[in-house]
PDB file of N, CA and C in Angstrom:
ATOM      1  N   MET A   1     118.152 146.389  47.942  1.00  0.00           N
ATOM      2  CA  MET A   1     118.624 147.538  48.684  1.00  0.00           C
ATOM      3  C   MET A   1     117.410 148.356  49.109  1.00  0.00           C
ATOM      4  N   THR A   2     117.305 148.618  50.385  1.00  0.00           N
ATOM      5  CA  THR A   2     116.171 149.374  50.895  1.00  0.00           C
ATOM      6  C   THR A   2     116.358 150.862  50.653  1.00  0.00           C
ATOM      7  N   TYR A   3     115.276 151.605  50.832  1.00  0.00           N
ATOM      8  CA  TYR A   3     115.330 153.049  50.626  1.00  0.00           C
ATOM      9  C   TYR A   3     116.323 153.697  51.588  1.00  0.00           C
ATOM     10  N   LYS A   4     116.342 153.230  52.825  1.00  0.00           N
ATOM     11  CA  LYS A   4     117.268 153.786  53.819  1.00  0.00           C
ATOM     12  C   LYS A   4     118.719 153.555  53.401  1.00  0.00           C
ATOM     13  N   GLU A   5     119.005 152.373  52.826  1.00  0.00           N
ATOM     14  CA  GLU A   5     120.363 152.081  52.363  1.00  0.00           C
ATOM     15  C   GLU A   5     120.742 152.970  51.185  1.00  0.00           C
ATOM     16  N   LYS A   6     119.762 153.313  50.346  1.00  0.00           N
ATOM     17  CA  LYS A   6     120.041 154.203  49.221  1.00  0.00           C
ATOM     18  C   LYS A   6     120.392 155.605  49.690  1.00  0.00           C
ATOM     19  N   LEU A   7     119.870 156.015  50.846  1.00  0.00           N
ATOM     20  CA  LEU A   7     120.168 157.337  51.391  1.00  0.00           C
ATOM     21  C   LEU A   7     121.587 157.426  51.947  1.00  0.00           C
ATOM     22  N   PHE A   8     122.166 156.278  52.263  1.00  0.00           N
ATOM     23  CA  PHE A   8     123.507 156.226  52.848  1.00  0.00           C
ATOM     24  C   PHE A   8     124.402 155.344  51.974  1.00  0.00           C
ATOM     25  N   PRO A   9     124.856 155.851  50.813  1.00  0.00           N
ATOM     26  CA  PRO A   9     125.586 155.007  49.866  1.00  0.00           C
ATOM     27  C   PRO A   9     127.049 154.744  50.226  1.00  0.00           C
ATOM     28  N   TRP A  10     127.660 155.572  51.057  1.00  0.00           N
ATOM     29  CA  TRP A  10     129.076 155.386  51.411  1.00  0.00           C
ATOM     30  C   TRP A  10     129.169 154.396  52.555  1.00  0.00           C
ATOM     31  N   CYS A  11     129.890 153.310  52.348  1.00  0.00           N
ATOM     32  CA  CYS A  11     129.987 152.239  53.337  1.00  0.00           C
ATOM     33  C   CYS A  11     131.420 152.052  53.811  1.00  0.00           C
ATOM     34  N   ILE A  12     131.544 151.748  55.071  1.00  0.00           N
ATOM     35  CA  ILE A  12     132.821 151.291  55.616  1.00  0.00           C
ATOM     36  C   ILE A  12     132.686 149.786  55.735  1.00  0.00           C
ATOM     37  N   ILE A  13     133.584 149.075  55.081  1.00  0.00           N
ATOM     38  CA  ILE A  13     133.518 147.622  55.106  1.00  0.00           C
ATOM     39  C   ILE A  13     134.737 147.060  55.816  1.00  0.00           C
ATOM     40  N   ARG A  14     134.533 145.917  56.419  1.00  0.00           N
ATOM     41  CA  ARG A  14     135.628 145.193  57.066  1.00  0.00           C
ATOM     42  C   ARG A  14     135.892 143.949  56.238  1.00  0.00           C
ATOM     43  N   ASN A  15     137.118 143.818  55.782  1.00  0.00           N
ATOM     44  CA  ASN A  15     137.519 142.662  54.981  1.00  0.00           C
ATOM     45  C   ASN A  15     137.808 141.491  55.905  1.00  0.00           C
ATOM     46  N   LEU A  16     137.129 140.379  55.631  1.00  0.00           N
ATOM     47  CA  LEU A  16     137.266 139.168  56.428  1.00  0.00           C
ATOM     48  C   LEU A  16     138.008 138.111  55.619  1.00  0.00           C
ATOM     49  N   PRO A  17     138.426 137.025  56.255  1.00  0.00           N
ATOM     50  CA  PRO A  17     139.099 135.955  55.511  1.00  0.00           C
ATOM     51  C   PRO A  17     138.178 135.347  54.446  1.00  0.00           C
ATOM     52  N   ASP A  18     138.779 134.677  53.487  1.00  0.00           N
ATOM     53  CA  ASP A  18     138.070 134.000  52.396  1.00  0.00           C
ATOM     54  C   ASP A  18     137.277 134.966  51.523  1.00  0.00           C
ATOM     55  N   GLN A  19     137.817 136.142  51.248  1.00  0.00           N
ATOM     56  CA  GLN A  19     137.220 137.129  50.352  1.00  0.00           C
ATOM     57  C   GLN A  19     135.820 137.564  50.788  1.00  0.00           C
ATOM     58  N   GLN A  20     135.539 137.556  52.065  1.00  0.00           N
ATOM     59  CA  GLN A  20     134.246 138.000  52.578  1.00  0.00           C
ATOM     60  C   GLN A  20     134.376 139.405  53.125  1.00  0.00           C
ATOM     61  N   GLN A  21     133.244 140.115  53.124  1.00  0.00           N
ATOM     62  CA  GLN A  21     133.212 141.482  53.632  1.00  0.00           C
ATOM     63  C   GLN A  21     131.942 141.679  54.447  1.00  0.00           C
ATOM     64  N   THR A  22     132.012 142.586  55.390  1.00  0.00           N
ATOM     65  CA  THR A  22     130.831 142.960  56.153  1.00  0.00           C
ATOM     66  C   THR A  22     130.782 144.481  56.259  1.00  0.00           C
ATOM     67  N   ILE A  23     129.577 145.030  56.164  1.00  0.00           N
ATOM     68  CA  ILE A  23     129.411 146.480  56.263  1.00  0.00           C
ATOM     69  C   ILE A  23     129.387 146.856  57.733  1.00  0.00           C
ATOM     70  N   VAL A  24     130.285 147.756  58.099  1.00  0.00           N
ATOM     71  CA  VAL A  24     130.395 148.203  59.488  1.00  0.00           C
ATOM     72  C   VAL A  24     129.505 149.415  59.726  1.00  0.00           C
ATOM     73  N   ALA A  25     129.508 150.358  58.762  1.00  0.00           N
ATOM     74  CA  ALA A  25     128.722 151.587  58.914  1.00  0.00           C
ATOM     75  C   ALA A  25     128.363 152.144  57.533  1.00  0.00           C
ATOM     76  N   ARG A  26     127.301 152.937  57.489  1.00  0.00           N
ATOM     77  CA  ARG A  26     126.878 153.611  56.260  1.00  0.00           C
ATOM     78  C   ARG A  26     126.803 155.111  56.531  1.00  0.00           C
ATOM     79  N   MET A  27     127.227 155.891  55.540  1.00  0.00           N
ATOM     80  CA  MET A  27     127.231 157.345  55.677  1.00  0.00           C
ATOM     81  C   MET A  27     126.642 157.986  54.424  1.00  0.00           C
ATOM     82  N   ARG A  28     126.157 159.217  54.564  1.00  0.00           N
ATOM     83  CA  ARG A  28     125.637 159.959  53.413  1.00  0.00           C
ATOM     84  C   ARG A  28     126.757 160.563  52.583  1.00  0.00           C
ATOM     85  N   ARG A  29     127.801 161.024  53.250  1.00  0.00           N
ATOM     86  CA  ARG A  29     128.880 161.735  52.552  1.00  0.00           C
ATOM     87  C   ARG A  29     130.198 160.986  52.678  1.00  0.00           C
ATOM     88  N   ARG A  30     131.009 161.108  51.628  1.00  0.00           N
ATOM     89  CA  ARG A  30     132.305 160.426  51.628  1.00  0.00           C
ATOM     90  C   ARG A  30     133.209 160.962  52.728  1.00  0.00           C
ATOM     91  N   ASN A  31     133.172 162.251  52.939  1.00  0.00           N
ATOM     92  CA  ASN A  31     134.017 162.861  53.955  1.00  0.00           C
ATOM     93  C   ASN A  31     133.682 162.301  55.342  1.00  0.00           C
ATOM     94  N   ASP A  32     132.399 162.130  55.633  1.00  0.00           N
ATOM     95  CA  ASP A  32     131.996 161.547  56.918  1.00  0.00           C
ATOM     96  C   ASP A  32     132.500 160.113  57.042  1.00  0.00           C
ATOM     97  N   ALA A  33     132.405 159.365  55.959  1.00  0.00           N
ATOM     98  CA  ALA A  33     132.870 157.974  55.978  1.00  0.00           C
ATOM     99  C   ALA A  33     134.371 157.888  56.202  1.00  0.00           C
ATOM    100  N   GLU A  34     135.115 158.765  55.546  1.00  0.00           N
ATOM    101  CA  GLU A  34     136.576 158.752  55.715  1.00  0.00           C
ATOM    102  C   GLU A  34     136.973 159.140  57.131  1.00  0.00           C
ATOM    103  N   GLN A  35     136.292 160.113  57.715  1.00  0.00           N
ATOM    104  CA  GLN A  35     136.594 160.500  59.092  1.00  0.00           C
ATOM    105  C   GLN A  35     136.250 159.382  60.067  1.00  0.00           C
ATOM    106  N   HIS A  36     135.134 158.707  59.840  1.00  0.00           N
ATOM    107  CA  HIS A  36     134.750 157.585  60.699  1.00  0.00           C
ATOM    108  C   HIS A  36     135.724 156.426  60.539  1.00  0.00           C
ATOM    109  N   LEU A  37     136.225 156.249  59.304  1.00  0.00           N
ATOM    110  CA  LEU A  37     137.218 155.210  59.048  1.00  0.00           C
ATOM    111  C   LEU A  37     138.485 155.455  59.860  1.00  0.00           C
ATOM    112  N   VAL A  38     138.935 156.689  59.900  1.00  0.00           N
ATOM    113  CA  VAL A  38     140.128 157.030  60.686  1.00  0.00           C
ATOM    114  C   VAL A  38     139.907 156.701  62.158  1.00  0.00           C
ATOM    115  N   LEU A  39     138.728 157.034  62.664  1.00  0.00           N
ATOM    116  CA  LEU A  39     138.405 156.735  64.066  1.00  0.00           C
ATOM    117  C   LEU A  39     138.392 155.233  64.315  1.00  0.00           C
ATOM    118  N   LEU A  40     137.779 154.476  63.414  1.00  0.00           N
ATOM    119  CA  LEU A  40     137.733 153.017  63.583  1.00  0.00           C
ATOM    120  C   LEU A  40     139.122 152.396  63.492  1.00  0.00           C
ATOM    121  N   GLN A  41     139.970 152.913  62.596  1.00  0.00           N
ATOM    122  CA  GLN A  41     141.316 152.364  62.457  1.00  0.00           C
ATOM    123  C   GLN A  41     142.150 152.630  63.709  1.00  0.00           C
ATOM    124  N   ARG A  42     141.882 153.723  64.391  1.00  0.00           N
ATOM    125  CA  ARG A  42     142.596 154.010  65.637  1.00  0.00           C
ATOM    126  C   ARG A  42     142.142 153.085  66.762  1.00  0.00           C
ATOM    127  N   THR A  43     140.831 152.755  66.773  1.00  0.00           N
ATOM    128  CA  THR A  43     140.318 151.926  67.862  1.00  0.00           C
ATOM    129  C   THR A  43     140.486 150.432  67.588  1.00  0.00           C
ATOM    130  N   ILE A  44     140.365 150.029  66.323  1.00  0.00           N
ATOM    131  CA  ILE A  44     140.527 148.615  65.952  1.00  0.00           C
ATOM    132  C   ILE A  44     141.739 148.535  65.022  1.00  0.00           C
ATOM    133  N   GLN A  45     142.916 148.404  65.592  1.00  0.00           N
ATOM    134  CA  GLN A  45     144.149 148.511  64.804  1.00  0.00           C
ATOM    135  C   GLN A  45     144.417 147.301  63.920  1.00  0.00           C
ATOM    136  N   ASP A  46     143.961 146.131  64.309  1.00  0.00           N
ATOM    137  CA  ASP A  46     144.269 144.939  63.524  1.00  0.00           C
ATOM    138  C   ASP A  46     143.232 144.642  62.442  1.00  0.00           C
ATOM    139  N   ALA A  47     142.192 145.449  62.322  1.00  0.00           N
ATOM    140  CA  ALA A  47     141.142 145.213  61.328  1.00  0.00           C
ATOM    141  C   ALA A  47     141.508 145.845  59.990  1.00  0.00           C
ATOM    142  N   SER A  48     141.107 145.178  58.916  1.00  0.00           N
ATOM    143  CA  SER A  48     141.297 145.704  57.566  1.00  0.00           C
ATOM    144  C   SER A  48     139.998 146.375  57.130  1.00  0.00           C
ATOM    145  N   LEU A  49     139.971 147.702  57.141  1.00  0.00           N
ATOM    146  CA  LEU A  49     138.771 148.477  56.826  1.00  0.00           C
ATOM    147  C   LEU A  49     138.997 149.323  55.583  1.00  0.00           C
ATOM    148  N   SER A  50     137.912 149.588  54.835  1.00  0.00           N
ATOM    149  CA  SER A  50     138.002 150.471  53.673  1.00  0.00           C
ATOM    150  C   SER A  50     136.645 151.107  53.406  1.00  0.00           C
ATOM    151  N   VAL A  51     136.669 152.192  52.631  1.00  0.00           N
ATOM    152  CA  VAL A  51     135.459 152.928  52.267  1.00  0.00           C
ATOM    153  C   VAL A  51     135.098 152.581  50.827  1.00  0.00           C
ATOM    154  N   ILE A  52     133.827 152.276  50.598  1.00  0.00           N
ATOM    155  CA  ILE A  52     133.355 152.002  49.242  1.00  0.00           C
ATOM    156  C   ILE A  52     132.061 152.776  49.003  1.00  0.00           C
ATOM    157  N   PHE A  53     131.725 152.954  47.731  1.00  0.00           N
ATOM    158  CA  PHE A  53     130.446 153.533  47.340  1.00  0.00           C
ATOM    159  C   PHE A  53     129.560 152.393  46.878  1.00  0.00           C
ATOM    160  N   ASP A  54     128.482 152.144  47.608  1.00  0.00           N
ATOM    161  CA  ASP A  54     127.583 151.038  47.296  1.00  0.00           C
ATOM    162  C   ASP A  54     126.555 151.519  46.278  1.00  0.00           C
ATOM    163  N   GLN A  55     126.710 151.060  45.044  1.00  0.00           N
ATOM    164  CA  GLN A  55     125.848 151.522  43.959  1.00  0.00           C
ATOM    165  C   GLN A  55     124.936 150.393  43.472  1.00  0.00           C
ATOM    166  N   THR A  56     124.581 149.504  44.352  1.00  0.00           N
ATOM    167  CA  THR A  56     123.706 148.399  43.992  1.00  0.00           C
ATOM    168  C   THR A  56     122.334 148.958  43.656  1.00  0.00           C
ATOM    169  N   THR A  57     121.817 148.589  42.467  1.00  0.00           N
ATOM    170  CA  THR A  57     120.521 149.127  42.064  1.00  0.00           C
ATOM    171  C   THR A  57     119.416 148.089  42.151  1.00  0.00           C
ATOM    172  N   LYS A  58     119.693 146.857  41.733  1.00  0.00           N
ATOM    173  CA  LYS A  58     118.666 145.823  41.759  1.00  0.00           C
ATOM    174  C   LYS A  58     119.284 144.512  42.210  1.00  0.00           C
ATOM    175  N   SER A  59     118.486 143.703  42.842  1.00  0.00           N
ATOM    176  CA  SER A  59     118.960 142.384  43.246  1.00  0.00           C
ATOM    177  C   SER A  59     118.827 141.422  42.073  1.00  0.00           C
ATOM    178  N   LEU A  60     119.389 140.238  42.211  1.00  0.00           N
ATOM    179  CA  LEU A  60     119.334 139.265  41.124  1.00  0.00           C
ATOM    180  C   LEU A  60     117.900 138.846  40.824  1.00  0.00           C
ATOM    181  N   ASN A  61     117.069 138.722  41.844  1.00  0.00           N
ATOM    182  CA  ASN A  61     115.684 138.318  41.623  1.00  0.00           C
ATOM    183  C   ASN A  61     114.929 139.362  40.810  1.00  0.00           C
ATOM    184  N   SER A  62     115.143 140.623  41.097  1.00  0.00           N
ATOM    185  CA  SER A  62     114.417 141.656  40.364  1.00  0.00           C
ATOM    186  C   SER A  62     114.945 141.789  38.943  1.00  0.00           C
ATOM    187  N   LEU A  63     116.206 141.406  38.694  1.00  0.00           N
ATOM    188  CA  LEU A  63     116.715 141.447  37.324  1.00  0.00           C
ATOM    189  C   LEU A  63     115.964 140.459  36.444  1.00  0.00           C
ATOM    190  N   GLY A  64     115.617 139.316  36.989  1.00  0.00           N
ATOM    191  CA  GLY A  64     114.828 138.353  36.238  1.00  0.00           C
ATOM    192  C   GLY A  64     113.464 138.920  35.891  1.00  0.00           C
ATOM    193  N   ASN A  65     112.871 139.651  36.821  1.00  0.00           N
ATOM    194  CA  ASN A  65     111.566 140.257  36.569  1.00  0.00           C
ATOM    195  C   ASN A  65     111.654 141.329  35.490  1.00  0.00           C
ATOM    196  N   VAL A  66     112.748 142.086  35.466  1.00  0.00           N
ATOM    197  CA  VAL A  66     112.933 143.100  34.435  1.00  0.00           C
ATOM    198  C   VAL A  66     113.012 142.446  33.068  1.00  0.00           C
ATOM    199  N   ALA A  67     113.724 141.324  32.973  1.00  0.00           N
ATOM    200  CA  ALA A  67     113.823 140.622  31.696  1.00  0.00           C
ATOM    201  C   ALA A  67     112.448 140.131  31.248  1.00  0.00           C
ATOM    202  N   GLU A  68     111.654 139.639  32.190  1.00  0.00           N
ATOM    203  CA  GLU A  68     110.312 139.179  31.847  1.00  0.00           C
ATOM    204  C   GLU A  68     109.453 140.334  31.372  1.00  0.00           C
ATOM    205  N   GLU A  69     109.577 141.508  32.024  1.00  0.00           N
ATOM    206  CA  GLU A  69     108.799 142.672  31.614  1.00  0.00           C
ATOM    207  C   GLU A  69     109.172 143.103  30.204  1.00  0.00           C
ATOM    208  N   LYS A  70     110.444 143.025  29.851  1.00  0.00           N
ATOM    209  CA  LYS A  70     110.874 143.395  28.507  1.00  0.00           C
ATOM    210  C   LYS A  70     110.274 142.444  27.478  1.00  0.00           C
ATOM    211  N   GLU A  71     110.225 141.149  27.811  1.00  0.00           N
ATOM    212  CA  GLU A  71     109.638 140.177  26.894  1.00  0.00           C
ATOM    213  C   GLU A  71     108.155 140.457  26.698  1.00  0.00           C
ATOM    214  N   VAL A  72     107.443 140.749  27.763  1.00  0.00           N
ATOM    215  CA  VAL A  72     106.016 141.045  27.675  1.00  0.00           C
ATOM    216  C   VAL A  72     105.805 142.312  26.863  1.00  0.00           C
ATOM    217  N   GLY A  73     106.655 143.319  27.090  1.00  0.00           N
ATOM    218  CA  GLY A  73     106.552 144.572  26.347  1.00  0.00           C
ATOM    219  C   GLY A  73     106.785 144.371  24.860  1.00  0.00           C
ATOM    220  N   SER A  74     107.768 143.559  24.496  1.00  0.00           N
ATOM    221  CA  SER A  74     108.051 143.332  23.083  1.00  0.00           C
ATOM    222  C   SER A  74     106.927 142.536  22.431  1.00  0.00           C
ATOM    223  N   LYS A  75     106.315 141.614  23.185  1.00  0.00           N
ATOM    224  CA  LYS A  75     105.178 140.857  22.646  1.00  0.00           C
ATOM    225  C   LYS A  75     103.993 141.785  22.409  1.00  0.00           C
ATOM    226  N   ALA A  76     103.792 142.743  23.296  1.00  0.00           N
ATOM    227  CA  ALA A  76     102.696 143.691  23.128  1.00  0.00           C
ATOM    228  C   ALA A  76     102.924 144.556  21.894  1.00  0.00           C
ATOM    229  N   VAL A  77     104.166 144.945  21.628  1.00  0.00           N
ATOM    230  CA  VAL A  77     104.490 145.749  20.446  1.00  0.00           C
ATOM    231  C   VAL A  77     104.259 144.936  19.188  1.00  0.00           C
ATOM    232  N   GLU A  78     104.670 143.674  19.214  1.00  0.00           N
ATOM    233  CA  GLU A  78     104.475 142.806  18.045  1.00  0.00           C
ATOM    234  C   GLU A  78     102.997 142.607  17.751  1.00  0.00           C
ATOM    235  N   SER A  79     102.188 142.391  18.786  1.00  0.00           N
ATOM    236  CA  SER A  79     100.755 142.195  18.552  1.00  0.00           C
ATOM    237  C   SER A  79     100.102 143.484  18.058  1.00  0.00           C
ATOM    238  N   ALA A  80     100.566 144.626  18.528  1.00  0.00           N
ATOM    239  CA  ALA A  80     100.036 145.902  18.051  1.00  0.00           C
ATOM    240  C   ALA A  80     100.382 146.098  16.579  1.00  0.00           C
ATOM    241  N   LYS A  81     101.591 145.715  16.165  1.00  0.00           N
ATOM    242  CA  LYS A  81     101.979 145.819  14.767  1.00  0.00           C
ATOM    243  C   LYS A  81     101.114 144.931  13.893  1.00  0.00           C
ATOM    244  N   GLU A  82     100.807 143.724  14.392  1.00  0.00           N
ATOM    245  CA  GLU A  82      99.979 142.784  13.623  1.00  0.00           C
ATOM    246  C   GLU A  82      98.563 143.313  13.439  1.00  0.00           C
ATOM    247  N   THR A  83      98.053 143.951  14.474  1.00  0.00           N
ATOM    248  CA  THR A  83      96.683 144.472  14.347  1.00  0.00           C
ATOM    249  C   THR A  83      96.630 145.714  13.480  1.00  0.00           C
ATOM    250  N   LEU A  84      97.696 146.495  13.461  1.00  0.00           N
ATOM    251  CA  LEU A  84      97.722 147.718  12.654  1.00  0.00           C
ATOM    252  C   LEU A  84      98.155 147.459  11.214  1.00  0.00           C
ATOM    253  N   ALA A  85      98.768 146.314  10.941  1.00  0.00           N
ATOM    254  CA  ALA A  85      99.269 146.007   9.597  1.00  0.00           C
ATOM    255  C   ALA A  85      98.173 146.042   8.529  1.00  0.00           C
ATOM    256  N   PRO A  86      96.963 145.500   8.752  1.00  0.00           N
ATOM    257  CA  PRO A  86      95.941 145.540   7.707  1.00  0.00           C
ATOM    258  C   PRO A  86      95.462 146.959   7.386  1.00  0.00           C
ATOM    259  N   LEU A  87      95.654 147.869   8.290  1.00  0.00           N
ATOM    260  CA  LEU A  87      95.192 149.242   8.049  1.00  0.00           C
ATOM    261  C   LEU A  87      96.113 149.892   7.054  1.00  0.00           C
TER     262      LEU A  87
END
């Protein structure tokens, strides 16, 4: 998720066949998103639209990196304990 996407967390999504979705618009405020949704529903009557709050924080690739960082951090703590143990 880019910084610009984080600034606009309220999304209007269009539900497509086979459980797929596409983001139609992003808004900063829920009220703006709901008003835009009403406008879109009036203009595109056969579309299935809804408002969601996109709270995605990390992608799957970065989650793997976080796990690796935790492992490295715990190894550093263990080695520090080993060096301090004789004291």
